[in-house]
Amino acid sequence: MTFTSAGPSQADASVNTNQAFIENLLREQKLDITDALAVFEFVLSALPDRAKIYPTENYYYFTFHHGGLVYGGNLRLDASDRDQGFVHFAYSPEHVFWREPEIPTYRKLGAADGVRVEKVSPLTYDVAFRGRTVRFEINDLSGVKPPANAVAPGEIYIGPVFDESGIQFYLMFNPAEKVFLYVLNEQAPVPEVFDATKISPRITIGRRTSYAFYADDRLPRKILIGVYEGNTILNNIYDGPFDQLPDNTLEGDVLKNAILSILPDYADKIDRFGSMADGSERYAISPYLYYETEDDFSIILDCLKDPKRQQEAYYGCFETTALVSADNATQPAEPAPSQGAQQRR
C-alpha cells in the first residue's frame, strides 16, 4: 500500500540542504549547554508563536546544533501534571552506535523556575519564560475510533496512538488472552510505503519506519508485529509506539485495569496512566518483536501454525515477549515498567 497525495504547493515545499546543516554546525552559539534553563530559553525562543504537539504522550520534539554536536530533546506537557503548571524538558547529544548513550539533562519546570504554564482551553497551553510565550496546541483525537469490523469479539479499545514517526494506531486490549495490540489506523493518512516480505505474504514492512505489520487472518486490519532493533538502540523516532500512549483520551482506569489483569500486584503501585507514584517508571506496552531481519518473524508464524493457538490463543501469537521467553526455554517474562517518563524518547 502506498500513501499518495496531491503534494505540497511550491510555497509549502521544504528541502533540507547539506549547506544549511554545515552552516548550523559552524555557527557559534553562546549557550551554556550544561544550564538546563539557558537551553530551555534557547529552544523556546526558536519555536514559532504557535506550536502543534502531535504525539499522544504530548512530547514536542526538537533538535539543534551546538559545539559540533547534534542535540535532540523534547518539551512535554504531561497529562498528569500540566494543569498544575509544570512542563518537562530534556535534551542530550544524539546517540551513536559505538558509544554508550549519555544520560539526558532533564528538568521538571514550573513557577519556582520562572516558567509559567497556563491552560487556555482543554488542549491548549501557553508556556512562558523570560519574556517569551509559545502557545502549544495538543492534538485532539477524541473522535478517533476503530471501525467496528476491526475490533475482535471482547476486545477493549484503549485509545488512539499518534506516534512521533507520523504513523497512527488503535491501542487494543484482549482481556481473554491478556494481550495488547497496536492496530494500524488506516482511516487516517498513512505516510509510508510498505514492501512485501519473502517470509510471508501477510507480513509487510514500512520502507521509512521499518515498522512490520501482519495482516490479521480474522479481521480486516494490520497488527504491528515488529520494530527494527537498531532504531530502538538509537532511541530515534522509529523506536516504536510504546512511548506514545493515548494519555489525553484515556477514560477512567481503562488502561490501569488492563495492566492489572496482567500484573495484579501493581494495584497499589501505578496510577491511571500506568506510571509509578513518583513518575520514575511507566509500564511499557511493547508487544511487538525487536527484529534484525525478516527471518526473525518466523517465531510468530510458527506460533500461528499451532492448531491450539488458532482456536484458543490466536492473538497471543503477537505478544512476542512471551514467545521469545518460551523459545528460550524459560518462563514467560513479566512485561516490565519502562524507564522514567522524561527518558521515554
Protein backbone atom coordinates (compact mmCIF):
# COMPACT_ATOMS: atom_id res chain seq x y z
CA MET A 1 0.00 0.00 0.00
CA THR A 2 1.27 3.44 -0.91
CA PHE A 3 0.00 6.68 0.55
CA THR A 4 -0.31 9.35 -2.10
CA SER A 5 -1.50 12.92 -2.03
CA ALA A 6 -1.70 15.88 -4.34
CA GLY A 7 1.61 17.01 -2.89
CA PRO A 8 2.62 20.30 -1.29
CA SER A 9 2.43 23.55 -3.16
CA GLN A 10 5.70 25.17 -4.19
CA ALA A 11 5.32 27.66 -1.34
CA ASP A 12 4.84 24.88 1.22
CA ALA A 13 7.59 22.60 -0.05
CA SER A 14 10.54 22.03 2.28
CA VAL A 15 14.01 20.90 1.28
CA ASN A 16 16.78 20.28 3.81
CA THR A 17 20.24 21.00 2.43
CA ASN A 18 23.74 19.96 3.45
CA GLN A 19 24.69 23.63 3.20
CA ALA A 20 22.26 24.55 5.98
CA PHE A 21 23.38 21.57 8.05
CA ILE A 22 27.05 22.54 7.86
CA GLU A 23 26.38 26.22 8.48
CA ASN A 24 24.33 25.35 11.56
CA LEU A 25 27.20 23.20 12.83
CA LEU A 26 29.69 26.03 12.27
CA ARG A 27 27.52 28.74 13.79
CA GLU A 28 28.85 29.86 17.16
CA GLN A 29 26.24 29.50 19.89
CA LYS A 30 26.76 31.50 23.05
CA LEU A 31 24.98 28.87 25.09
CA ASP A 32 25.93 27.07 28.29
CA ILE A 33 24.84 23.56 27.31
CA THR A 34 25.07 22.44 30.95
CA ASP A 35 22.50 25.02 32.08
CA ALA A 36 19.05 23.48 31.55
CA LEU A 37 17.24 26.82 31.98
CA ALA A 38 19.51 28.52 29.44
CA VAL A 39 18.87 25.72 26.95
CA PHE A 40 15.13 25.88 27.66
CA GLU A 41 15.17 29.62 26.91
CA PHE A 42 17.17 28.97 23.73
CA VAL A 43 14.71 26.34 22.50
CA LEU A 44 11.59 28.30 23.42
CA SER A 45 12.91 31.40 21.66
CA ALA A 46 13.46 29.39 18.46
CA LEU A 47 9.91 27.99 18.31
CA PRO A 48 7.04 29.62 16.41
CA ASP A 49 4.48 31.59 18.41
CA ARG A 50 2.02 28.70 17.96
CA ALA A 51 3.19 25.09 18.01
CA LYS A 52 1.32 21.81 17.43
CA ILE A 53 2.03 18.71 19.53
CA TYR A 54 1.10 15.62 17.51
CA PRO A 55 2.37 12.63 19.58
CA THR A 56 -0.15 11.34 22.12
CA GLU A 57 2.15 11.39 25.15
CA ASN A 58 2.43 15.13 24.47
CA TYR A 59 6.12 15.41 23.57
CA TYR A 60 7.23 18.31 21.38
CA TYR A 61 10.50 17.09 19.86
CA PHE A 62 13.35 19.25 18.62
CA THR A 63 16.98 19.09 17.52
CA PHE A 64 19.68 21.75 17.50
CA HIS A 65 23.41 22.06 16.84
CA HIS A 66 25.97 23.10 19.42
CA GLY A 67 29.71 22.69 19.70
CA GLY A 68 29.94 20.38 16.69
CA LEU A 69 27.25 18.03 18.02
CA VAL A 70 23.60 17.48 17.17
CA TYR A 71 21.37 17.52 20.22
CA GLY A 72 17.91 16.03 20.43
CA GLY A 73 15.31 16.66 23.07
CA ASN A 74 11.71 17.23 23.97
CA LEU A 75 9.41 19.58 25.77
CA ARG A 76 6.48 17.70 27.29
CA LEU A 77 3.10 18.84 28.57
CA ASP A 78 2.39 15.70 30.58
CA ALA A 79 -1.33 14.98 31.01
CA SER A 80 -0.72 14.13 34.67
CA ASP A 81 0.65 17.50 35.82
CA ARG A 82 0.40 20.19 33.11
CA ASP A 83 -2.73 21.60 34.79
CA GLN A 84 -0.62 22.07 37.92
CA GLY A 85 1.68 24.36 35.93
CA PHE A 86 4.52 22.01 35.02
CA VAL A 87 6.39 21.30 31.79
CA HIS A 88 9.03 18.58 31.39
CA PHE A 89 12.22 19.38 29.48
CA ALA A 90 15.01 17.03 28.37
CA TYR A 91 17.91 17.06 25.90
CA SER A 92 21.12 15.16 25.09
CA PRO A 93 23.59 14.62 22.24
CA GLU A 94 22.21 12.27 19.61
CA HIS A 95 23.21 8.68 20.29
CA VAL A 96 25.64 6.80 18.04
CA PHE A 97 26.16 3.03 17.95
CA TRP A 98 29.78 2.90 19.02
CA ARG A 99 29.43 4.54 22.45
CA GLU A 100 27.21 4.33 25.48
CA PRO A 101 24.26 6.74 25.39
CA GLU A 102 24.59 9.83 27.54
CA ILE A 103 22.14 10.41 30.35
CA PRO A 104 19.82 13.22 29.20
CA THR A 105 19.75 16.52 31.02
CA TYR A 106 16.24 16.66 32.49
CA ARG A 107 14.26 19.26 34.45
CA LYS A 108 10.65 19.43 35.55
CA LEU A 109 9.98 23.14 35.25
CA GLY A 110 7.36 25.29 36.91
CA ALA A 111 6.69 28.55 38.69
CA ALA A 112 9.65 28.08 41.04
CA ASP A 113 11.92 28.18 37.96
CA GLY A 114 10.23 31.23 36.49
CA VAL A 115 8.33 29.13 33.96
CA ARG A 116 4.60 29.76 33.56
CA VAL A 117 2.31 27.06 32.14
CA GLU A 118 -1.22 28.38 31.67
CA LYS A 119 -4.21 26.38 30.45
CA VAL A 120 -6.05 28.33 27.74
CA SER A 121 -8.52 25.57 26.78
CA PRO A 122 -8.67 21.79 27.42
CA LEU A 123 -5.94 21.12 24.84
CA THR A 124 -4.23 24.49 24.54
CA TYR A 125 -1.48 25.76 26.86
CA ASP A 126 0.74 28.83 26.98
CA VAL A 127 4.32 28.26 28.11
CA ALA A 128 6.18 31.45 29.08
CA PHE A 129 9.74 32.10 30.24
CA ARG A 130 11.84 35.26 30.39
CA GLY A 131 9.55 37.33 28.20
CA ARG A 132 8.88 34.64 25.58
CA THR A 133 5.49 32.89 25.26
CA VAL A 134 4.64 29.96 22.98
CA ARG A 135 1.10 28.62 22.63
CA PHE A 136 1.01 24.83 22.33
CA GLU A 137 -1.96 23.13 20.71
CA ILE A 138 -2.30 19.47 21.71
CA ASN A 139 -3.57 17.02 19.12
CA ASP A 140 -7.31 16.42 19.60
CA LEU A 141 -8.00 12.77 18.80
CA SER A 142 -11.13 12.44 20.94
CA GLY A 143 -13.23 11.47 17.93
CA VAL A 144 -10.91 8.72 16.68
CA LYS A 145 -12.47 5.26 16.93
CA PRO A 146 -11.64 1.99 15.14
CA PRO A 147 -14.16 0.69 12.61
CA ALA A 148 -16.46 -1.93 14.12
CA ASN A 149 -15.18 -4.65 11.78
CA ALA A 150 -11.61 -4.08 13.02
CA VAL A 151 -12.39 -4.96 16.64
CA ALA A 152 -12.25 -8.61 17.75
CA PRO A 153 -15.03 -10.01 19.98
CA GLY A 154 -14.40 -8.98 23.59
CA GLU A 155 -11.56 -6.59 22.73
CA ILE A 156 -11.32 -3.26 24.54
CA TYR A 157 -10.32 -0.09 22.72
CA ILE A 158 -7.89 1.77 24.97
CA GLY A 159 -7.44 4.80 22.73
CA PRO A 160 -5.75 6.38 19.70
CA VAL A 161 -1.98 6.50 19.40
CA PHE A 162 -0.23 9.12 17.27
CA ASP A 163 3.41 8.05 17.03
CA GLU A 164 6.22 10.56 16.51
CA SER A 165 7.00 8.66 13.30
CA GLY A 166 3.73 10.03 11.88
CA ILE A 167 2.02 6.61 11.95
CA GLN A 168 -1.27 6.30 13.83
CA PHE A 169 -2.59 3.28 15.70
CA TYR A 170 -5.52 2.00 17.72
CA LEU A 171 -4.33 0.59 21.05
CA MET A 172 -6.42 -2.52 21.76
CA PHE A 173 -6.54 -4.95 24.68
CA ASN A 174 -7.77 -8.52 24.55
CA PRO A 175 -8.89 -9.46 28.10
CA ALA A 176 -9.34 -13.17 27.35
CA GLU A 177 -5.75 -13.54 26.13
CA LYS A 178 -4.33 -10.63 28.17
CA VAL A 179 -2.69 -9.14 25.11
CA PHE A 180 -2.20 -5.54 23.99
CA LEU A 181 -2.13 -4.84 20.24
CA TYR A 182 -1.23 -1.82 18.14
CA VAL A 183 -3.53 -1.86 15.12
CA LEU A 184 -2.74 0.41 12.18
CA ASN A 185 -5.22 3.27 11.78
CA GLU A 186 -5.93 3.17 8.05
CA GLN A 187 -8.77 5.67 8.30
CA ALA A 188 -6.11 8.37 8.75
CA PRO A 189 -3.40 9.17 6.19
CA VAL A 190 -0.60 6.59 6.33
CA PRO A 191 2.61 8.35 5.20
CA GLU A 192 4.51 5.20 4.38
CA VAL A 193 5.32 2.77 1.58
CA PHE A 194 5.06 -0.91 2.55
CA ASP A 195 7.19 -3.62 0.99
CA ALA A 196 6.20 -7.27 0.82
CA THR A 197 8.42 -9.75 2.66
CA LYS A 198 9.78 -13.08 1.49
CA ILE A 199 8.91 -14.83 4.73
CA SER A 200 5.13 -14.37 4.42
CA PRO A 201 2.67 -12.61 2.10
CA ARG A 202 0.81 -11.43 5.21
CA ILE A 203 3.82 -9.51 6.57
CA THR A 204 4.80 -6.11 5.17
CA ILE A 205 7.48 -3.69 6.34
CA GLY A 206 7.46 0.10 6.06
CA ARG A 207 10.31 1.39 3.94
CA ARG A 208 10.73 4.59 6.02
CA THR A 209 9.79 3.49 9.54
CA SER A 210 10.84 -0.18 9.31
CA TYR A 211 7.60 -0.98 11.18
CA ALA A 212 6.41 -4.51 10.36
CA PHE A 213 2.72 -5.42 10.17
CA TYR A 214 0.79 -8.66 9.97
CA ALA A 215 -2.49 -8.76 8.06
CA ASP A 216 -4.91 -10.29 10.58
CA ASP A 217 -6.31 -13.63 9.37
CA ARG A 218 -9.61 -12.94 11.09
CA LEU A 219 -10.32 -9.24 10.65
CA PRO A 220 -9.59 -6.56 8.02
CA ARG A 221 -6.77 -4.92 9.96
CA LYS A 222 -2.98 -4.83 10.26
CA ILE A 223 -1.24 -5.56 13.57
CA LEU A 224 2.16 -4.07 14.43
CA ILE A 225 4.47 -7.05 14.98
CA GLY A 226 7.96 -5.60 14.63
CA VAL A 227 10.17 -2.58 15.26
CA TYR A 228 13.71 -2.57 13.88
CA GLU A 229 16.14 -3.15 16.74
CA GLY A 230 18.69 -0.61 15.52
CA ASN A 231 16.15 2.17 15.85
CA THR A 232 15.48 1.27 19.47
CA ILE A 233 19.21 1.36 20.22
CA LEU A 234 19.43 4.85 18.71
CA ASN A 235 16.24 5.84 20.55
CA ASN A 236 15.04 7.68 17.45
CA ILE A 237 11.56 8.47 16.15
CA TYR A 238 11.18 4.93 14.79
CA ASP A 239 11.73 3.17 18.13
CA GLY A 240 8.10 2.05 18.36
CA PRO A 241 4.85 3.46 19.78
CA PHE A 242 5.37 2.26 23.38
CA ASP A 243 6.14 5.86 24.39
CA GLN A 244 3.04 7.44 22.82
CA LEU A 245 0.14 6.03 24.82
CA PRO A 246 -3.26 7.75 24.44
CA ASP A 247 -2.94 9.92 27.56
CA ASN A 248 -5.35 12.67 26.52
CA THR A 249 -8.26 10.35 25.73
CA LEU A 250 -8.00 7.68 28.44
CA GLU A 251 -11.38 7.03 30.04
CA GLY A 252 -11.10 6.45 33.75
CA ASP A 253 -8.96 3.46 34.73
CA VAL A 254 -9.31 1.55 31.45
CA LEU A 255 -5.53 1.36 30.90
CA LYS A 256 -4.72 0.69 34.55
CA ASN A 257 -7.28 -2.12 34.75
CA ALA A 258 -5.88 -3.75 31.60
CA ILE A 259 -2.38 -3.66 33.08
CA LEU A 260 -3.59 -5.05 36.41
CA SER A 261 -5.22 -8.00 34.68
CA ILE A 262 -1.66 -8.96 33.68
CA LEU A 263 0.15 -7.77 36.82
CA PRO A 264 -2.33 -7.69 39.72
CA ASP A 265 0.45 -6.99 42.23
CA TYR A 266 0.76 -3.47 40.78
CA ALA A 267 -2.68 -2.41 42.08
CA ASP A 268 -1.25 -0.05 44.69
CA LYS A 269 1.79 0.97 42.65
CA ILE A 270 0.53 2.55 39.42
CA ASP A 271 -1.81 5.39 38.52
CA ARG A 272 -4.37 5.53 35.71
CA PHE A 273 -1.57 6.18 33.20
CA GLY A 274 0.36 3.08 34.26
CA SER A 275 3.05 5.16 35.99
CA MET A 276 4.63 4.67 39.38
CA ALA A 277 3.60 7.21 42.01
CA ASP A 278 6.91 9.08 41.78
CA GLY A 279 6.87 9.11 37.97
CA SER A 280 10.18 7.26 37.77
CA GLU A 281 8.81 4.35 35.73
CA ARG A 282 5.92 3.63 33.43
CA TYR A 283 4.58 0.28 32.29
CA ALA A 284 5.91 -0.40 28.79
CA ILE A 285 3.35 -1.67 26.29
CA SER A 286 5.54 -3.15 23.57
CA PRO A 287 4.02 -6.48 22.42
CA TYR A 288 5.98 -6.40 19.16
CA LEU A 289 9.27 -8.00 18.19
CA TYR A 290 12.53 -6.06 18.08
CA TYR A 291 13.87 -7.57 14.89
CA GLU A 292 17.08 -7.51 12.85
CA THR A 293 15.93 -9.40 9.73
CA GLU A 294 12.55 -10.53 8.48
CA ASP A 295 13.51 -14.13 9.31
CA ASP A 296 13.05 -13.17 12.97
CA PHE A 297 9.29 -13.20 12.37
CA SER A 298 9.35 -16.99 11.96
CA ILE A 299 8.63 -17.26 15.70
CA ILE A 300 5.24 -15.61 15.11
CA LEU A 301 4.48 -17.66 12.01
CA ASP A 302 5.36 -20.89 13.81
CA CYS A 303 3.03 -19.93 16.65
CA LEU A 304 0.19 -19.26 14.21
CA LYS A 305 0.58 -22.76 12.72
CA ASP A 306 -0.30 -24.32 16.08
CA PRO A 307 -3.95 -25.51 15.82
CA LYS A 308 -4.48 -24.97 19.56
CA ARG A 309 -3.27 -21.40 19.25
CA GLN A 310 -5.63 -20.83 16.33
CA GLN A 311 -8.57 -21.98 18.45
CA GLU A 312 -7.75 -20.66 21.91
CA ALA A 313 -5.00 -18.02 21.85
CA TYR A 314 -4.61 -16.65 18.33
CA TYR A 315 -3.74 -13.09 19.36
CA GLY A 316 -1.29 -14.37 21.94
CA CYS A 317 1.00 -15.14 18.98
CA PHE A 318 1.59 -11.40 18.63
CA GLU A 319 2.74 -10.98 22.26
CA THR A 320 6.34 -11.67 21.34
CA THR A 321 7.81 -11.09 24.82
CA ALA A 322 6.21 -14.33 25.97
CA LEU A 323 7.03 -16.11 22.69
CA VAL A 324 10.72 -15.25 22.87
CA SER A 325 10.88 -16.32 26.52
CA ALA A 326 9.22 -19.64 25.72
CA ASP A 327 11.51 -20.16 22.74
CA ASN A 328 14.47 -19.74 25.10
CA ALA A 329 13.02 -22.46 27.34
CA THR A 330 12.32 -20.11 30.25
CA GLN A 331 9.16 -18.96 31.94
CA PRO A 332 7.41 -16.10 30.10
CA ALA A 333 8.82 -12.86 31.42
CA GLU A 334 6.58 -10.30 33.06
CA PRO A 335 6.33 -7.16 30.93
CA ALA A 336 8.47 -4.64 32.76
CA PRO A 337 7.89 -0.98 33.51
CA SER A 338 9.75 1.31 31.15
CA GLN A 339 12.24 3.99 32.06
CA GLY A 340 11.29 7.34 33.54
CA ALA A 341 8.81 9.49 31.68
CA GLN A 342 11.38 12.12 30.82
CA GLN A 343 13.57 9.49 29.14
CA ARG A 344 10.96 7.52 27.19
CA ARG A 345 12.26 9.09 23.97
